[in-house]
């Protein structure tokens, strides 16, 4: 029975009828709001992120320990002519192994990569190619050098196409370790930048002697630091400074520190680096370079996220 009272719009009495506007015309059904689509995208991104993090956690020992150990053995065996040609310095294996070892760093930083980070990181990648091309063509700023093996497809036949995969993570690792090592002092810009730049140069004190020892590249003339000239480190000081400034511009420091502290595998790529290149330096008796690798080990241990349990795979 009709009570004689008007029925409120949107009540059960109007459920079967389209809502009318002021002119009496039926209003079009509302379309999904942009906010709803954004929330769905965020939800999918969060789901993918959780799955990637679970994959890294389940395979931490394999990624951070087994891969670099196998890499060191394979590269030394290649340098000593102990492998068949198909396996010796195989660029596919080198790139695959590098991608796997980089994966913890990439997964750890994915939530921090937004519109703010995009432009500085793109500039950093472009700079990586540009400074290397300049070095190959002019011998500045690193000194005269040439690649001894194939590191995959070459850009313009001069520098590896995968060069950012080799260089950019080294800068990121140095920057992240500096943030953790400095603690509260990392809140100050100058100590943070100087510490990160010093860490980038220290990374190359480990990398270059080992790379020269196994024939990745060589300098002409050979330098006094295990075949590496002083000019190379002047070049790395320049490159490291520009790269660190771009990384500084890319990320919100507070959010980045919080993320790295919460993500236990964020520095696993640096663990891989130390094991791989530190081991090669030890095998070729590059004692000073191996000592710098040991210093990175101490820095990693001070972050309180690595212990003997990880080395045992437990």
C-alpha atoms as a PDB file:
ATOM      1  CA  UNK A   1       0.000   0.000   0.000  1.00  0.00           C
ATOM      2  CA  UNK A   2       1.234   3.467  -0.851  1.00  0.00           C
ATOM      3  CA  UNK A   3       1.807   5.440   2.328  1.00  0.00           C
ATOM      4  CA  UNK A   4       1.435   8.745   0.478  1.00  0.00           C
ATOM      5  CA  UNK A   5       5.001   9.793   1.496  1.00  0.00           C
ATOM      6  CA  UNK A   6       7.573  10.549  -1.206  1.00  0.00           C
ATOM      7  CA  UNK A   7      10.217   7.921  -1.746  1.00  0.00           C
ATOM      8  CA  UNK A   8      13.821   9.132  -1.338  1.00  0.00           C
ATOM      9  CA  UNK A   9      16.016   8.884  -4.402  1.00  0.00           C
ATOM     10  CA  UNK A  10      18.189   5.837  -4.259  1.00  0.00           C
ATOM     11  CA  UNK A  11      15.828   4.028  -1.852  1.00  0.00           C
ATOM     12  CA  UNK A  12      14.384   0.594  -2.524  1.00  0.00           C
ATOM     13  CA  UNK A  13      11.446   2.220  -4.251  1.00  0.00           C
ATOM     14  CA  UNK A  14      13.769   3.626  -6.917  1.00  0.00           C
ATOM     15  CA  UNK A  15      16.005   0.596  -7.208  1.00  0.00           C
ATOM     16  CA  UNK A  16      14.461  -0.572 -10.492  1.00  0.00           C
ATOM     17  CA  UNK A  17      14.356   2.883 -12.089  1.00  0.00           C
ATOM     18  CA  UNK A  18      17.223   4.891 -13.527  1.00  0.00           C
ATOM     19  CA  UNK A  19      18.032   8.031 -11.559  1.00  0.00           C
ATOM     20  CA  UNK A  20      16.649  11.138 -13.244  1.00  0.00           C
ATOM     21  CA  UNK A  21      18.311  14.507 -13.432  1.00  0.00           C
ATOM     22  CA  UNK A  22      16.560  17.849 -12.895  1.00  0.00           C
ATOM     23  CA  UNK A  23      15.107  17.805 -16.421  1.00  0.00           C
ATOM     24  CA  UNK A  24      13.481  14.441 -15.877  1.00  0.00           C
ATOM     25  CA  UNK A  25      15.907  12.623 -18.202  1.00  0.00           C
ATOM     26  CA  UNK A  26      17.513   9.441 -17.016  1.00  0.00           C
ATOM     27  CA  UNK A  27      21.147   9.993 -16.042  1.00  0.00           C
ATOM     28  CA  UNK A  28      23.834   7.871 -17.668  1.00  0.00           C
ATOM     29  CA  UNK A  29      25.361   5.213 -15.445  1.00  0.00           C
ATOM     30  CA  UNK A  30      28.531   6.548 -13.877  1.00  0.00           C
ATOM     31  CA  UNK A  31      31.836   5.349 -15.381  1.00  0.00           C
ATOM     32  CA  UNK A  32      34.592   3.916 -13.209  1.00  0.00           C
ATOM     33  CA  UNK A  33      36.479   6.671 -11.472  1.00  0.00           C
ATOM     34  CA  UNK A  34      40.117   7.311 -12.322  1.00  0.00           C
ATOM     35  CA  UNK A  35      40.941   6.801  -8.657  1.00  0.00           C
ATOM     36  CA  UNK A  36      39.522   3.283  -8.818  1.00  0.00           C
ATOM     37  CA  UNK A  37      41.751   2.465 -11.800  1.00  0.00           C
ATOM     38  CA  UNK A  38      44.759   3.880  -9.988  1.00  0.00           C
ATOM     39  CA  UNK A  39      43.972   1.839  -6.904  1.00  0.00           C
ATOM     40  CA  UNK A  40      43.710  -1.293  -9.042  1.00  0.00           C
ATOM     41  CA  UNK A  41      47.083  -0.530 -10.647  1.00  0.00           C
ATOM     42  CA  UNK A  42      48.616  -0.006  -7.209  1.00  0.00           C
ATOM     43  CA  UNK A  43      47.159  -3.279  -6.032  1.00  0.00           C
ATOM     44  CA  UNK A  44      48.575  -5.178  -9.013  1.00  0.00           C
ATOM     45  CA  UNK A  45      51.969  -3.522  -8.537  1.00  0.00           C
ATOM     46  CA  UNK A  46      51.965  -4.447  -4.849  1.00  0.00           C
ATOM     47  CA  UNK A  47      51.091  -8.052  -5.706  1.00  0.00           C
ATOM     48  CA  UNK A  48      53.891  -8.297  -8.260  1.00  0.00           C
ATOM     49  CA  UNK A  49      56.291  -6.690  -5.775  1.00  0.00           C
ATOM     50  CA  UNK A  50      55.411  -9.228  -3.063  1.00  0.00           C
ATOM     51  CA  UNK A  51      55.954 -12.112  -5.459  1.00  0.00           C
ATOM     52  CA  UNK A  52      59.315 -10.782  -6.613  1.00  0.00           C
ATOM     53  CA  UNK A  53      60.442 -10.245  -3.025  1.00  0.00           C
ATOM     54  CA  UNK A  54      59.388 -13.767  -2.107  1.00  0.00           C
ATOM     55  CA  UNK A  55      61.345 -15.130  -5.069  1.00  0.00           C
ATOM     56  CA  UNK A  56      64.490 -13.263  -3.982  1.00  0.00           C
ATOM     57  CA  UNK A  57      64.147 -14.354  -0.346  1.00  0.00           C
ATOM     58  CA  UNK A  58      63.713 -17.995  -1.324  1.00  0.00           C
ATOM     59  CA  UNK A  59      66.879 -17.899  -3.452  1.00  0.00           C
ATOM     60  CA  UNK A  60      69.117 -15.444  -1.569  1.00  0.00           C
ATOM     61  CA  UNK A  61      71.988 -17.832  -1.015  1.00  0.00           C
ATOM     62  CA  UNK A  62      71.971 -19.008  -4.631  1.00  0.00           C
ATOM     63  CA  UNK A  63      71.869 -15.462  -5.989  1.00  0.00           C
ATOM     64  CA  UNK A  64      74.295 -13.762  -3.606  1.00  0.00           C
ATOM     65  CA  UNK A  65      76.802 -16.585  -3.009  1.00  0.00           C
ATOM     66  CA  UNK A  66      76.543 -19.438  -5.503  1.00  0.00           C
ATOM     67  CA  UNK A  67      76.324 -17.285  -8.642  1.00  0.00           C
ATOM     68  CA  UNK A  68      79.381 -15.112  -7.887  1.00  0.00           C
ATOM     69  CA  UNK A  69      81.467 -18.119  -6.849  1.00  0.00           C
ATOM     70  CA  UNK A  70      80.604 -19.927 -10.076  1.00  0.00           C
ATOM     71  CA  UNK A  71      81.228 -16.684 -11.975  1.00  0.00           C
ATOM     72  CA  UNK A  72      84.686 -16.255 -10.459  1.00  0.00           C
ATOM     73  CA  UNK A  73      85.649 -19.857 -11.262  1.00  0.00           C
ATOM     74  CA  UNK A  74      84.313 -19.596 -14.815  1.00  0.00           C
ATOM     75  CA  UNK A  75      86.029 -16.283 -15.572  1.00  0.00           C
ATOM     76  CA  UNK A  76      89.377 -17.410 -14.190  1.00  0.00           C
ATOM     77  CA  UNK A  77      89.089 -20.682 -16.111  1.00  0.00           C
ATOM     78  CA  UNK A  78      88.354 -18.655 -19.256  1.00  0.00           C
ATOM     79  CA  UNK A  79      91.381 -16.437 -18.676  1.00  0.00           C
ATOM     80  CA  UNK A  80      93.604 -19.478 -18.156  1.00  0.00           C
ATOM     81  CA  UNK A  81      92.345 -21.267 -21.277  1.00  0.00           C
ATOM     82  CA  UNK A  82      90.745 -24.106 -19.328  1.00  0.00           C
ATOM     83  CA  UNK A  83      87.302 -23.931 -20.943  1.00  0.00           C
ATOM     84  CA  UNK A  84      86.186 -24.884 -24.457  1.00  0.00           C
ATOM     85  CA  UNK A  85      85.640 -21.922 -26.814  1.00  0.00           C
ATOM     86  CA  UNK A  86      81.843 -22.173 -26.545  1.00  0.00           C
ATOM     87  CA  UNK A  87      81.987 -21.524 -22.799  1.00  0.00           C
ATOM     88  CA  UNK A  88      85.051 -19.327 -22.519  1.00  0.00           C
ATOM     89  CA  UNK A  89      83.982 -15.713 -21.892  1.00  0.00           C
ATOM     90  CA  UNK A  90      80.526 -16.603 -23.170  1.00  0.00           C
ATOM     91  CA  UNK A  91      78.737 -13.213 -23.350  1.00  0.00           C
ATOM     92  CA  UNK A  92      75.298 -14.766 -22.814  1.00  0.00           C
ATOM     93  CA  UNK A  93      76.460 -16.413 -19.594  1.00  0.00           C
ATOM     94  CA  UNK A  94      78.161 -13.207 -18.439  1.00  0.00           C
ATOM     95  CA  UNK A  95      75.020 -11.128 -19.029  1.00  0.00           C
ATOM     96  CA  UNK A  96      72.706 -13.748 -17.514  1.00  0.00           C
ATOM     97  CA  UNK A  97      74.850 -14.091 -14.406  1.00  0.00           C
ATOM     98  CA  UNK A  98      75.053 -10.316 -14.029  1.00  0.00           C
ATOM     99  CA  UNK A  99      71.278  -9.950 -14.342  1.00  0.00           C
ATOM    100  CA  UNK A 100      70.687 -12.594 -11.686  1.00  0.00           C
ATOM    101  CA  UNK A 101      73.143 -11.008  -9.256  1.00  0.00           C
ATOM    102  CA  UNK A 102      71.613  -7.563  -9.855  1.00  0.00           C
ATOM    103  CA  UNK A 103      68.058  -8.800  -9.190  1.00  0.00           C
ATOM    104  CA  UNK A 104      67.998  -8.196  -5.396  1.00  0.00           C
ATOM    105  CA  UNK A 105      69.000  -4.563  -5.878  1.00  0.00           C
ATOM    106  CA  UNK A 106      66.425  -4.032  -8.629  1.00  0.00           C
ATOM    107  CA  UNK A 107      63.596  -5.623  -6.647  1.00  0.00           C
ATOM    108  CA  UNK A 108      64.555  -3.699  -3.511  1.00  0.00           C
ATOM    109  CA  UNK A 109      64.492  -0.344  -5.301  1.00  0.00           C
ATOM    110  CA  UNK A 110      61.390  -0.868  -7.467  1.00  0.00           C
ATOM    111  CA  UNK A 111      58.983   0.708  -4.920  1.00  0.00           C
ATOM    112  CA  UNK A 112      61.176   3.833  -4.855  1.00  0.00           C
ATOM    113  CA  UNK A 113      61.228   4.337  -8.617  1.00  0.00           C
ATOM    114  CA  UNK A 114      58.584   6.924  -9.491  1.00  0.00           C
ATOM    115  CA  UNK A 115      58.261   9.969 -11.730  1.00  0.00           C
ATOM    116  CA  UNK A 116      60.794  11.834  -9.643  1.00  0.00           C
ATOM    117  CA  UNK A 117      63.368   9.087 -10.133  1.00  0.00           C
ATOM    118  CA  UNK A 118      62.724   8.508 -13.839  1.00  0.00           C
ATOM    119  CA  UNK A 119      64.441  11.555 -15.342  1.00  0.00           C
ATOM    120  CA  UNK A 120      67.682  11.449 -13.270  1.00  0.00           C
ATOM    121  CA  UNK A 121      68.019   7.712 -13.884  1.00  0.00           C
ATOM    122  CA  UNK A 122      67.498   8.129 -17.626  1.00  0.00           C
ATOM    123  CA  UNK A 123      70.116  10.895 -17.608  1.00  0.00           C
ATOM    124  CA  UNK A 124      72.463   8.607 -15.658  1.00  0.00           C
ATOM    125  CA  UNK A 125      72.057   5.826 -18.228  1.00  0.00           C
ATOM    126  CA  UNK A 126      72.681   8.267 -21.092  1.00  0.00           C
ATOM    127  CA  UNK A 127      75.704   9.660 -19.256  1.00  0.00           C
ATOM    128  CA  UNK A 128      77.070   6.134 -18.780  1.00  0.00           C
ATOM    129  CA  UNK A 129      77.109   5.604 -22.541  1.00  0.00           C
ATOM    130  CA  UNK A 130      78.379   9.101 -23.264  1.00  0.00           C
ATOM    131  CA  UNK A 131      81.375   9.076 -20.931  1.00  0.00           C
ATOM    132  CA  UNK A 132      82.388   5.590 -22.089  1.00  0.00           C
ATOM    133  CA  UNK A 133      82.181   6.560 -25.757  1.00  0.00           C
ATOM    134  CA  UNK A 134      84.255   9.638 -24.985  1.00  0.00           C
ATOM    135  CA  UNK A 135      86.818   7.473 -23.215  1.00  0.00           C
ATOM    136  CA  UNK A 136      87.063   4.978 -26.077  1.00  0.00           C
ATOM    137  CA  UNK A 137      87.410   7.681 -28.724  1.00  0.00           C
ATOM    138  CA  UNK A 138      89.647  10.193 -26.941  1.00  0.00           C
ATOM    139  CA  UNK A 139      91.337   8.236 -24.092  1.00  0.00           C
ATOM    140  CA  UNK A 140      89.858  10.810 -21.670  1.00  0.00           C
ATOM    141  CA  UNK A 141      89.079  10.718 -18.764  1.00  0.00           C
ATOM    142  CA  UNK A 142      90.178   7.149 -17.945  1.00  0.00           C
ATOM    143  CA  UNK A 143      93.286   6.820 -20.093  1.00  0.00           C
ATOM    144  CA  UNK A 144      93.786   4.701 -23.195  1.00  0.00           C
ATOM    145  CA  UNK A 145      92.063   1.325 -22.871  1.00  0.00           C
ATOM    146  CA  UNK A 146      90.499  -1.323 -25.050  1.00  0.00           C
ATOM    147  CA  UNK A 147      88.094  -4.196 -24.471  1.00  0.00           C
ATOM    148  CA  UNK A 148      89.673  -7.629 -24.621  1.00  0.00           C
ATOM    149  CA  UNK A 149      86.516  -9.736 -24.814  1.00  0.00           C
ATOM    150  CA  UNK A 150      82.927  -9.445 -25.950  1.00  0.00           C
ATOM    151  CA  UNK A 151      80.522  -8.287 -23.245  1.00  0.00           C
ATOM    152  CA  UNK A 152      77.523  -8.771 -25.495  1.00  0.00           C
ATOM    153  CA  UNK A 153      76.174  -6.538 -28.287  1.00  0.00           C
ATOM    154  CA  UNK A 154      78.147  -3.338 -28.800  1.00  0.00           C
ATOM    155  CA  UNK A 155      76.681   0.145 -29.208  1.00  0.00           C
ATOM    156  CA  UNK A 156      78.169   1.557 -32.393  1.00  0.00           C
ATOM    157  CA  UNK A 157      80.701  -1.240 -32.270  1.00  0.00           C
ATOM    158  CA  UNK A 158      82.522   0.632 -29.470  1.00  0.00           C
ATOM    159  CA  UNK A 159      80.948   0.122 -26.018  1.00  0.00           C
ATOM    160  CA  UNK A 160      78.802  -2.704 -24.586  1.00  0.00           C
ATOM    161  CA  UNK A 161      75.069  -2.153 -24.954  1.00  0.00           C
ATOM    162  CA  UNK A 162      74.655  -3.574 -21.442  1.00  0.00           C
ATOM    163  CA  UNK A 163      77.071  -1.010 -19.973  1.00  0.00           C
ATOM    164  CA  UNK A 164      74.464   0.567 -17.622  1.00  0.00           C
ATOM    165  CA  UNK A 165      73.804  -2.905 -16.204  1.00  0.00           C
ATOM    166  CA  UNK A 166      77.465  -3.081 -15.223  1.00  0.00           C
ATOM    167  CA  UNK A 167      77.990   0.515 -14.013  1.00  0.00           C
ATOM    168  CA  UNK A 168      74.765   1.958 -12.559  1.00  0.00           C
ATOM    169  CA  UNK A 169      74.242  -0.765  -9.892  1.00  0.00           C
ATOM    170  CA  UNK A 170      77.797  -0.187  -8.657  1.00  0.00           C
ATOM    171  CA  UNK A 171      76.912   3.448  -7.970  1.00  0.00           C
ATOM    172  CA  UNK A 172      73.618   2.498  -6.332  1.00  0.00           C
ATOM    173  CA  UNK A 173      75.324  -0.088  -4.115  1.00  0.00           C
ATOM    174  CA  UNK A 174      77.940   2.454  -3.020  1.00  0.00           C
ATOM    175  CA  UNK A 175      75.248   5.039  -2.290  1.00  0.00           C
ATOM    176  CA  UNK A 176      73.058   2.637  -0.286  1.00  0.00           C
ATOM    177  CA  UNK A 177      75.968   1.306   1.761  1.00  0.00           C
ATOM    178  CA  UNK A 178      76.992   4.886   2.530  1.00  0.00           C
ATOM    179  CA  UNK A 179      73.495   5.725   3.784  1.00  0.00           C
ATOM    180  CA  UNK A 180      73.581   2.788   6.188  1.00  0.00           C
ATOM    181  CA  UNK A 181      77.213   3.226   7.228  1.00  0.00           C
ATOM    182  CA  UNK A 182      76.860   6.931   8.058  1.00  0.00           C
ATOM    183  CA  UNK A 183      73.742   6.462  10.150  1.00  0.00           C
ATOM    184  CA  UNK A 184      72.440   9.796  11.424  1.00  0.00           C
ATOM    185  CA  UNK A 185      75.258  11.642   9.628  1.00  0.00           C
ATOM    186  CA  UNK A 186      73.664  10.610   6.318  1.00  0.00           C
ATOM    187  CA  UNK A 187      71.089  13.338   6.923  1.00  0.00           C
ATOM    188  CA  UNK A 188      73.772  15.900   6.037  1.00  0.00           C
ATOM    189  CA  UNK A 189      74.259  16.418   2.315  1.00  0.00           C
ATOM    190  CA  UNK A 190      78.027  16.948   2.141  1.00  0.00           C
ATOM    191  CA  UNK A 191      79.096  13.873   4.183  1.00  0.00           C
ATOM    192  CA  UNK A 192      76.553  11.787   2.281  1.00  0.00           C
ATOM    193  CA  UNK A 193      77.824  12.816  -1.142  1.00  0.00           C
ATOM    194  CA  UNK A 194      81.518  12.629  -0.234  1.00  0.00           C
ATOM    195  CA  UNK A 195      81.058   9.216   1.361  1.00  0.00           C
ATOM    196  CA  UNK A 196      79.188   7.853  -1.649  1.00  0.00           C
ATOM    197  CA  UNK A 197      81.750   9.224  -4.119  1.00  0.00           C
ATOM    198  CA  UNK A 198      84.587   7.680  -2.102  1.00  0.00           C
ATOM    199  CA  UNK A 199      82.704   4.376  -2.050  1.00  0.00           C
ATOM    200  CA  UNK A 200      82.252   4.459  -5.858  1.00  0.00           C
ATOM    201  CA  UNK A 201      85.990   4.984  -6.378  1.00  0.00           C
ATOM    202  CA  UNK A 202      86.707   2.194  -3.858  1.00  0.00           C
ATOM    203  CA  UNK A 203      84.442  -0.109  -5.866  1.00  0.00           C
ATOM    204  CA  UNK A 204      86.699   0.410  -8.874  1.00  0.00           C
ATOM    205  CA  UNK A 205      89.795  -0.223  -6.765  1.00  0.00           C
ATOM    206  CA  UNK A 206      88.375  -3.750  -6.538  1.00  0.00           C
ATOM    207  CA  UNK A 207      86.866  -4.072 -10.010  1.00  0.00           C
ATOM    208  CA  UNK A 208      89.509  -2.799 -12.407  1.00  0.00           C
ATOM    209  CA  UNK A 209      92.531  -4.855 -11.245  1.00  0.00           C
ATOM    210  CA  UNK A 210      90.484  -8.050 -11.382  1.00  0.00           C
ATOM    211  CA  UNK A 211      88.977  -7.159 -14.774  1.00  0.00           C
ATOM    212  CA  UNK A 212      92.441  -6.478 -16.184  1.00  0.00           C
ATOM    213  CA  UNK A 213      93.752  -9.749 -14.714  1.00  0.00           C
ATOM    214  CA  UNK A 214      91.139 -11.837 -16.526  1.00  0.00           C
ATOM    215  CA  UNK A 215      91.364  -9.885 -19.791  1.00  0.00           C
ATOM    216  CA  UNK A 216      88.086  -7.942 -19.760  1.00  0.00           C
ATOM    217  CA  UNK A 217      89.997  -4.846 -20.826  1.00  0.00           C
ATOM    218  CA  UNK A 218      93.531  -3.479 -20.764  1.00  0.00           C
ATOM    219  CA  UNK A 219      95.261  -0.115 -20.536  1.00  0.00           C
ATOM    220  CA  UNK A 220      97.922   1.183 -22.893  1.00  0.00           C
ATOM    221  CA  UNK A 221     100.355   1.775 -21.357  1.00  0.00           C
ATOM    222  CA  UNK A 222      99.795  -0.477 -18.394  1.00  0.00           C
ATOM    223  CA  UNK A 223      99.480   1.289 -15.039  1.00  0.00           C
ATOM    224  CA  UNK A 224     101.164   0.800 -11.693  1.00  0.00           C
ATOM    225  CA  UNK A 225      98.117  -0.442  -9.784  1.00  0.00           C
ATOM    226  CA  UNK A 226      97.932  -4.030 -11.032  1.00  0.00           C
ATOM    227  CA  UNK A 227      97.957  -2.793 -14.606  1.00  0.00           C
ATOM    228  CA  UNK A 228      95.564   0.099 -13.987  1.00  0.00           C
ATOM    229  CA  UNK A 229      96.865   3.688 -14.448  1.00  0.00           C
ATOM    230  CA  UNK A 230      96.162   6.539 -12.047  1.00  0.00           C
ATOM    231  CA  UNK A 231      94.270   8.344 -14.840  1.00  0.00           C
ATOM    232  CA  UNK A 232      91.544   5.697 -14.569  1.00  0.00           C
ATOM    233  CA  UNK A 233      90.788   6.741 -11.007  1.00  0.00           C
ATOM    234  CA  UNK A 234      90.740  10.412 -11.875  1.00  0.00           C
ATOM    235  CA  UNK A 235      88.127   9.418 -14.457  1.00  0.00           C
ATOM    236  CA  UNK A 236      86.176   7.416 -11.902  1.00  0.00           C
ATOM    237  CA  UNK A 237      86.263  10.361  -9.508  1.00  0.00           C
ATOM    238  CA  UNK A 238      84.612  12.477 -12.199  1.00  0.00           C
ATOM    239  CA  UNK A 239      82.156   9.776 -13.240  1.00  0.00           C
ATOM    240  CA  UNK A 240      81.367   8.860  -9.648  1.00  0.00           C
ATOM    241  CA  UNK A 241      80.667  12.440  -8.666  1.00  0.00           C
ATOM    242  CA  UNK A 242      78.215  13.014 -11.508  1.00  0.00           C
ATOM    243  CA  UNK A 243      76.565   9.623 -10.999  1.00  0.00           C
ATOM    244  CA  UNK A 244      76.137  10.107  -7.242  1.00  0.00           C
ATOM    245  CA  UNK A 245      74.620  13.567  -7.744  1.00  0.00           C
ATOM    246  CA  UNK A 246      72.102  12.058 -10.191  1.00  0.00           C
ATOM    247  CA  UNK A 247      71.233   9.251  -7.764  1.00  0.00           C
ATOM    248  CA  UNK A 248      70.832  11.843  -5.004  1.00  0.00           C
ATOM    249  CA  UNK A 249      68.376  13.739  -7.224  1.00  0.00           C
ATOM    250  CA  UNK A 250      66.447  10.591  -8.123  1.00  0.00           C
ATOM    251  CA  UNK A 251      65.369   9.412  -4.690  1.00  0.00           C
ATOM    252  CA  UNK A 252      63.808  10.725  -1.509  1.00  0.00           C
ATOM    253  CA  UNK A 253      66.577   9.996   0.987  1.00  0.00           C
ATOM    254  CA  UNK A 254      64.337   9.338   3.980  1.00  0.00           C
ATOM    255  CA  UNK A 255      62.097   6.954   2.070  1.00  0.00           C
ATOM    256  CA  UNK A 256      65.128   5.246   0.544  1.00  0.00           C
ATOM    257  CA  UNK A 257      66.801   4.724   3.925  1.00  0.00           C
ATOM    258  CA  UNK A 258      63.587   3.332   5.355  1.00  0.00           C
ATOM    259  CA  UNK A 259      63.237   0.952   2.421  1.00  0.00           C
ATOM    260  CA  UNK A 260      66.836  -0.267   2.578  1.00  0.00           C
ATOM    261  CA  UNK A 261      66.645  -0.820   6.328  1.00  0.00           C
ATOM    262  CA  UNK A 262      63.426  -2.788   5.963  1.00  0.00           C
ATOM    263  CA  UNK A 263      64.530  -4.846   2.942  1.00  0.00           C
ATOM    264  CA  UNK A 264      67.108  -7.354   4.146  1.00  0.00           C
ATOM    265  CA  UNK A 265      68.376  -8.234   0.655  1.00  0.00           C
ATOM    266  CA  UNK A 266      68.828  -4.676  -0.651  1.00  0.00           C
ATOM    267  CA  UNK A 267      72.633  -4.956  -0.532  1.00  0.00           C
ATOM    268  CA  UNK A 268      72.940  -8.556  -1.720  1.00  0.00           C
ATOM    269  CA  UNK A 269      74.245  -7.360  -5.087  1.00  0.00           C
ATOM    270  CA  UNK A 270      77.180  -5.787  -3.259  1.00  0.00           C
ATOM    271  CA  UNK A 271      77.777  -9.132  -1.538  1.00  0.00           C
ATOM    272  CA  UNK A 272      77.933 -10.760  -4.975  1.00  0.00           C
ATOM    273  CA  UNK A 273      80.319  -8.076  -6.195  1.00  0.00           C
ATOM    274  CA  UNK A 274      82.693  -8.560  -3.255  1.00  0.00           C
ATOM    275  CA  UNK A 275      82.696 -12.347  -3.593  1.00  0.00           C
ATOM    276  CA  UNK A 276      83.193 -12.353  -7.365  1.00  0.00           C
ATOM    277  CA  UNK A 277      85.827  -9.675  -7.827  1.00  0.00           C
ATOM    278  CA  UNK A 278      87.427 -10.120  -4.424  1.00  0.00           C
ATOM    279  CA  UNK A 279      87.995 -13.807  -5.163  1.00  0.00           C
ATOM    280  CA  UNK A 280      89.543 -13.034  -8.562  1.00  0.00           C
ATOM    281  CA  UNK A 281      91.890 -10.498  -6.961  1.00  0.00           C
ATOM    282  CA  UNK A 282      92.929 -13.082  -4.380  1.00  0.00           C
ATOM    283  CA  UNK A 283      93.611 -15.707  -7.056  1.00  0.00           C
ATOM    284  CA  UNK A 284      95.809 -13.250  -8.978  1.00  0.00           C
ATOM    285  CA  UNK A 285      97.502 -12.004  -5.770  1.00  0.00           C
ATOM    286  CA  UNK A 286      96.207  -8.460  -6.152  1.00  0.00           C
ATOM    287  CA  UNK A 287      96.505  -8.085  -2.392  1.00  0.00           C
ATOM    288  CA  UNK A 288      95.634  -4.410  -2.049  1.00  0.00           C
ATOM    289  CA  UNK A 289      92.538  -4.780  -4.237  1.00  0.00           C
ATOM    290  CA  UNK A 290      91.530  -7.846  -2.219  1.00  0.00           C
ATOM    291  CA  UNK A 291      92.017  -5.809   0.949  1.00  0.00           C
ATOM    292  CA  UNK A 292      89.604  -3.146  -0.305  1.00  0.00           C
ATOM    293  CA  UNK A 293      87.102  -5.923  -1.007  1.00  0.00           C
ATOM    294  CA  UNK A 294      87.629  -7.053   2.578  1.00  0.00           C
ATOM    295  CA  UNK A 295      86.852  -3.526   3.774  1.00  0.00           C
ATOM    296  CA  UNK A 296      83.536  -3.715   1.919  1.00  0.00           C
ATOM    297  CA  UNK A 297      82.900  -7.017   3.716  1.00  0.00           C
ATOM    298  CA  UNK A 298      83.374  -5.282   7.053  1.00  0.00           C
ATOM    299  CA  UNK A 299      81.031  -2.500   5.987  1.00  0.00           C
ATOM    300  CA  UNK A 300      78.377  -5.027   5.020  1.00  0.00           C
ATOM    301  CA  UNK A 301      78.755  -6.894   8.316  1.00  0.00           C
ATOM    302  CA  UNK A 302      78.221  -3.641  10.215  1.00  0.00           C
ATOM    303  CA  UNK A 303      74.776  -3.324   8.645  1.00  0.00           C
ATOM    304  CA  UNK A 304      73.736  -6.269  10.881  1.00  0.00           C
ATOM    305  CA  UNK A 305      71.989  -8.108   8.070  1.00  0.00           C
ATOM    306  CA  UNK A 306      74.642 -10.679   7.176  1.00  0.00           C
ATOM    307  CA  UNK A 307      76.014 -13.523   9.249  1.00  0.00           C
ATOM    308  CA  UNK A 308      77.503 -16.995   8.836  1.00  0.00           C
ATOM    309  CA  UNK A 309      73.996 -18.412   8.493  1.00  0.00           C
ATOM    310  CA  UNK A 310      73.623 -16.769   5.096  1.00  0.00           C
ATOM    311  CA  UNK A 311      76.988 -18.108   3.943  1.00  0.00           C
ATOM    312  CA  UNK A 312      75.836 -21.590   4.904  1.00  0.00           C
ATOM    313  CA  UNK A 313      72.583 -21.038   3.035  1.00  0.00           C
ATOM    314  CA  UNK A 314      70.464 -21.283   6.186  1.00  0.00           C
END
